[in-house]
């Protein structure tokens, strides 16, 4: 266990930030899952409406450090490709 006052504070801060990050990551996963479900059900209109919200959440997660920059780019790229393919069909 931490002995110094500053170390004790770091433990408290880390626990708070861990909980916040866990919540944010869960929200991100649910958002991406909702987008994928719309794409799988061939709902192009619904997916197009949800795309901007999903991409915004992906970008914010990368900014906060929840996911890495390249991971965010990969998610956005793959979702965009699937959305374009669905819209073209």
N, C-alpha and C. Protein backbone atom coordinates (compact mmCIF):
# COMPACT_ATOMS: atom_id res chain seq x y z
N UNK A 1 0.84 -1.18 0.00
CA UNK A 1 0.00 0.00 0.00
C UNK A 1 0.88 1.24 0.00
N UNK A 2 0.37 2.31 -0.61
CA UNK A 2 1.12 3.56 -0.70
C UNK A 2 1.28 4.18 0.68
N UNK A 3 2.43 4.83 0.87
CA UNK A 3 2.72 5.43 2.17
C UNK A 3 2.62 6.95 2.16
N UNK A 4 3.05 7.58 1.10
CA UNK A 4 3.07 9.04 1.09
C UNK A 4 1.71 9.59 0.70
N UNK A 5 1.49 10.86 1.06
CA UNK A 5 0.22 11.52 0.76
C UNK A 5 0.01 11.59 -0.75
N UNK A 6 1.06 11.93 -1.48
CA UNK A 6 0.93 12.05 -2.94
C UNK A 6 0.64 10.70 -3.58
N UNK A 7 1.23 9.64 -3.05
CA UNK A 7 0.98 8.32 -3.59
C UNK A 7 -0.46 7.88 -3.31
N UNK A 8 -0.96 8.21 -2.14
CA UNK A 8 -2.35 7.90 -1.80
C UNK A 8 -3.30 8.65 -2.73
N UNK A 9 -2.97 9.91 -3.02
CA UNK A 9 -3.80 10.69 -3.94
C UNK A 9 -3.78 10.06 -5.33
N UNK A 10 -2.60 9.62 -5.77
CA UNK A 10 -2.51 9.01 -7.10
C UNK A 10 -3.38 7.75 -7.18
N UNK A 11 -3.46 7.00 -6.10
CA UNK A 11 -4.31 5.82 -6.07
C UNK A 11 -5.76 6.21 -6.25
N UNK A 12 -6.20 7.28 -5.53
CA UNK A 12 -7.58 7.73 -5.64
C UNK A 12 -7.89 8.24 -7.04
N UNK A 13 -6.98 9.03 -7.60
CA UNK A 13 -7.18 9.58 -8.94
C UNK A 13 -7.23 8.47 -9.99
N UNK A 14 -6.33 7.50 -9.85
CA UNK A 14 -6.29 6.39 -10.79
C UNK A 14 -7.58 5.60 -10.76
N UNK A 15 -8.12 5.35 -9.58
CA UNK A 15 -9.38 4.62 -9.48
C UNK A 15 -10.52 5.38 -10.14
N UNK A 16 -10.55 6.71 -9.94
CA UNK A 16 -11.60 7.52 -10.58
C UNK A 16 -11.48 7.50 -12.09
N UNK A 17 -10.24 7.70 -12.58
CA UNK A 17 -10.03 7.76 -14.03
C UNK A 17 -10.29 6.40 -14.68
N UNK A 18 -9.95 5.32 -13.99
CA UNK A 18 -10.19 3.98 -14.51
C UNK A 18 -11.68 3.76 -14.73
N UNK A 19 -12.48 4.20 -13.78
CA UNK A 19 -13.93 4.05 -13.89
C UNK A 19 -14.48 4.87 -15.06
N UNK A 20 -13.98 6.08 -15.21
CA UNK A 20 -14.42 6.94 -16.32
C UNK A 20 -14.03 6.32 -17.66
N UNK A 21 -12.79 5.84 -17.75
CA UNK A 21 -12.32 5.23 -19.00
C UNK A 21 -13.11 3.97 -19.33
N UNK A 22 -13.44 3.19 -18.31
CA UNK A 22 -14.21 1.97 -18.53
C UNK A 22 -15.59 2.31 -19.09
N UNK A 23 -16.22 3.35 -18.54
CA UNK A 23 -17.53 3.78 -19.01
C UNK A 23 -17.45 4.26 -20.46
N UNK A 24 -16.44 5.05 -20.75
CA UNK A 24 -16.29 5.59 -22.11
C UNK A 24 -16.04 4.48 -23.12
N UNK A 25 -15.23 3.50 -22.76
CA UNK A 25 -14.93 2.40 -23.67
C UNK A 25 -16.19 1.56 -23.92
N UNK A 26 -16.98 1.35 -22.87
CA UNK A 26 -18.22 0.60 -23.01
C UNK A 26 -19.18 1.33 -23.95
N UNK A 27 -19.31 2.65 -23.77
CA UNK A 27 -20.18 3.43 -24.65
C UNK A 27 -19.72 3.35 -26.09
N UNK A 28 -18.41 3.42 -26.30
CA UNK A 28 -17.86 3.31 -27.65
C UNK A 28 -18.21 1.96 -28.27
N UNK A 29 -18.00 0.90 -27.52
CA UNK A 29 -18.29 -0.44 -28.05
C UNK A 29 -19.76 -0.59 -28.40
N UNK A 30 -20.65 -0.06 -27.55
CA UNK A 30 -22.08 -0.14 -27.82
C UNK A 30 -22.46 0.66 -29.07
N UNK A 31 -21.83 1.80 -29.25
CA UNK A 31 -22.11 2.63 -30.43
C UNK A 31 -21.68 1.92 -31.70
N UNK A 32 -20.48 1.34 -31.69
CA UNK A 32 -19.98 0.62 -32.86
C UNK A 32 -20.85 -0.60 -33.12
N UNK A 33 -21.27 -1.28 -32.07
CA UNK A 33 -22.12 -2.45 -32.21
C UNK A 33 -23.46 -2.08 -32.85
N UNK A 34 -24.03 -0.94 -32.44
CA UNK A 34 -25.30 -0.49 -33.01
C UNK A 34 -25.14 -0.19 -34.50
N UNK A 35 -24.02 0.44 -34.85
CA UNK A 35 -23.75 0.75 -36.26
C UNK A 35 -23.61 -0.54 -37.07
N UNK A 36 -22.89 -1.51 -36.54
CA UNK A 36 -22.70 -2.78 -37.25
C UNK A 36 -24.01 -3.52 -37.42
N UNK A 37 -24.89 -3.46 -36.41
CA UNK A 37 -26.18 -4.13 -36.51
C UNK A 37 -27.02 -3.53 -37.64
N UNK A 38 -26.99 -2.19 -37.75
CA UNK A 38 -27.72 -1.54 -38.83
C UNK A 38 -27.16 -1.94 -40.19
N UNK A 39 -25.83 -2.03 -40.27
CA UNK A 39 -25.21 -2.42 -41.54
C UNK A 39 -25.57 -3.87 -41.90
N UNK A 40 -25.60 -4.74 -40.91
CA UNK A 40 -25.93 -6.15 -41.15
C UNK A 40 -27.39 -6.33 -41.54
N UNK A 41 -28.26 -5.46 -41.00
CA UNK A 41 -29.68 -5.58 -41.32
C UNK A 41 -30.03 -4.83 -42.61
N UNK A 42 -29.02 -4.33 -43.30
CA UNK A 42 -29.17 -3.66 -44.60
C UNK A 42 -30.00 -2.38 -44.50
N UNK A 43 -29.92 -1.69 -43.37
CA UNK A 43 -30.64 -0.43 -43.18
C UNK A 43 -29.69 0.73 -43.51
N UNK A 44 -29.61 1.07 -44.78
CA UNK A 44 -28.65 2.09 -45.24
C UNK A 44 -28.99 3.47 -44.68
N UNK A 45 -30.28 3.79 -44.64
CA UNK A 45 -30.68 5.11 -44.16
C UNK A 45 -30.36 5.28 -42.67
N UNK A 46 -30.70 4.29 -41.88
CA UNK A 46 -30.43 4.34 -40.44
C UNK A 46 -28.94 4.37 -40.15
N UNK A 47 -28.17 3.60 -40.91
CA UNK A 47 -26.72 3.56 -40.72
C UNK A 47 -26.09 4.89 -41.09
N UNK A 48 -26.60 5.51 -42.16
CA UNK A 48 -26.06 6.81 -42.58
C UNK A 48 -26.33 7.88 -41.52
N UNK A 49 -27.49 7.82 -40.89
CA UNK A 49 -27.82 8.78 -39.83
C UNK A 49 -26.95 8.57 -38.60
N UNK A 50 -26.67 7.31 -38.30
CA UNK A 50 -25.89 6.99 -37.10
C UNK A 50 -24.38 7.17 -37.32
N UNK A 51 -23.96 7.24 -38.57
CA UNK A 51 -22.53 7.29 -38.90
C UNK A 51 -21.82 8.48 -38.27
N UNK A 52 -22.40 9.68 -38.38
CA UNK A 52 -21.70 10.85 -37.86
C UNK A 52 -21.55 10.78 -36.34
N UNK A 53 -22.59 10.29 -35.66
CA UNK A 53 -22.51 10.15 -34.20
C UNK A 53 -21.45 9.12 -33.82
N UNK A 54 -21.41 8.02 -34.56
CA UNK A 54 -20.45 6.96 -34.28
C UNK A 54 -19.02 7.45 -34.53
N UNK A 55 -18.80 8.13 -35.66
CA UNK A 55 -17.47 8.62 -35.98
C UNK A 55 -17.01 9.67 -34.97
N UNK A 56 -17.93 10.48 -34.52
CA UNK A 56 -17.61 11.48 -33.50
C UNK A 56 -17.15 10.80 -32.21
N UNK A 57 -17.87 9.76 -31.83
CA UNK A 57 -17.50 9.04 -30.60
C UNK A 57 -16.16 8.34 -30.76
N UNK A 58 -15.89 7.80 -31.94
CA UNK A 58 -14.60 7.15 -32.19
C UNK A 58 -13.47 8.18 -32.09
N UNK A 59 -13.67 9.35 -32.69
CA UNK A 59 -12.65 10.41 -32.64
C UNK A 59 -12.40 10.88 -31.22
N UNK A 60 -13.47 11.07 -30.46
CA UNK A 60 -13.31 11.51 -29.07
C UNK A 60 -12.58 10.46 -28.24
N UNK A 61 -12.88 9.19 -28.47
CA UNK A 61 -12.21 8.11 -27.74
C UNK A 61 -10.72 8.10 -28.04
N UNK A 62 -10.36 8.37 -29.30
CA UNK A 62 -8.94 8.43 -29.66
C UNK A 62 -8.28 9.63 -29.00
N UNK A 63 -8.99 10.74 -28.95
CA UNK A 63 -8.44 11.95 -28.33
C UNK A 63 -8.20 11.74 -26.84
N UNK A 64 -9.13 11.04 -26.19
CA UNK A 64 -9.00 10.79 -24.75
C UNK A 64 -8.01 9.69 -24.43
N UNK A 65 -7.58 8.94 -25.43
CA UNK A 65 -6.63 7.86 -25.18
C UNK A 65 -7.29 6.54 -24.84
N UNK A 66 -8.58 6.43 -25.07
CA UNK A 66 -9.28 5.18 -24.81
C UNK A 66 -8.85 4.14 -25.83
N UNK A 67 -8.73 4.58 -27.10
CA UNK A 67 -8.20 3.74 -28.17
C UNK A 67 -7.10 4.52 -28.86
N UNK A 68 -6.25 3.83 -29.61
CA UNK A 68 -5.17 4.51 -30.30
C UNK A 68 -5.67 5.16 -31.58
N UNK A 69 -4.89 6.11 -32.09
CA UNK A 69 -5.26 6.86 -33.28
C UNK A 69 -5.48 5.95 -34.49
N UNK A 70 -4.58 5.01 -34.69
CA UNK A 70 -4.70 4.12 -35.85
C UNK A 70 -5.89 3.17 -35.71
N UNK A 71 -6.20 2.79 -34.49
CA UNK A 71 -7.37 1.95 -34.25
C UNK A 71 -8.64 2.70 -34.62
N UNK A 72 -8.69 3.97 -34.23
CA UNK A 72 -9.84 4.80 -34.58
C UNK A 72 -9.97 4.94 -36.09
N UNK A 73 -8.85 5.16 -36.76
CA UNK A 73 -8.86 5.30 -38.22
C UNK A 73 -9.33 4.00 -38.88
N UNK A 74 -8.90 2.88 -38.34
CA UNK A 74 -9.30 1.58 -38.90
C UNK A 74 -10.80 1.35 -38.73
N UNK A 75 -11.34 1.64 -37.54
CA UNK A 75 -12.77 1.49 -37.31
C UNK A 75 -13.56 2.34 -38.29
N UNK A 76 -13.17 3.60 -38.41
CA UNK A 76 -13.90 4.52 -39.29
C UNK A 76 -13.81 4.07 -40.74
N UNK A 77 -12.64 3.63 -41.16
CA UNK A 77 -12.44 3.19 -42.53
C UNK A 77 -13.32 1.99 -42.85
N UNK A 78 -13.32 1.01 -41.99
CA UNK A 78 -14.08 -0.21 -42.25
C UNK A 78 -15.58 0.04 -42.23
N UNK A 79 -16.03 0.88 -41.30
CA UNK A 79 -17.46 1.20 -41.25
C UNK A 79 -17.87 1.99 -42.49
N UNK A 80 -17.01 2.90 -42.93
CA UNK A 80 -17.30 3.70 -44.12
C UNK A 80 -17.39 2.82 -45.36
N UNK A 81 -16.46 1.88 -45.49
CA UNK A 81 -16.49 0.97 -46.63
C UNK A 81 -17.78 0.17 -46.66
N UNK A 82 -18.19 -0.35 -45.52
CA UNK A 82 -19.42 -1.14 -45.46
C UNK A 82 -20.64 -0.28 -45.76
N UNK A 83 -20.62 0.97 -45.28
CA UNK A 83 -21.74 1.87 -45.52
C UNK A 83 -21.84 2.22 -47.00
N UNK A 84 -20.72 2.49 -47.64
CA UNK A 84 -20.72 2.80 -49.08
C UNK A 84 -21.19 1.61 -49.91
N UNK A 85 -20.73 0.43 -49.52
CA UNK A 85 -21.13 -0.78 -50.26
C UNK A 85 -22.63 -1.00 -50.14
N UNK A 86 -23.18 -0.74 -48.95
CA UNK A 86 -24.61 -0.90 -48.72
C UNK A 86 -25.40 0.16 -49.47
N UNK A 87 -24.91 1.39 -49.50
CA UNK A 87 -25.61 2.48 -50.19
C UNK A 87 -25.61 2.26 -51.69
N UNK A 88 -24.53 1.71 -52.22
CA UNK A 88 -24.42 1.49 -53.66
C UNK A 88 -25.34 0.36 -54.13
N UNK A 89 -25.60 -0.58 -53.24
CA UNK A 89 -26.40 -1.75 -53.63
C UNK A 89 -27.88 -1.43 -53.74
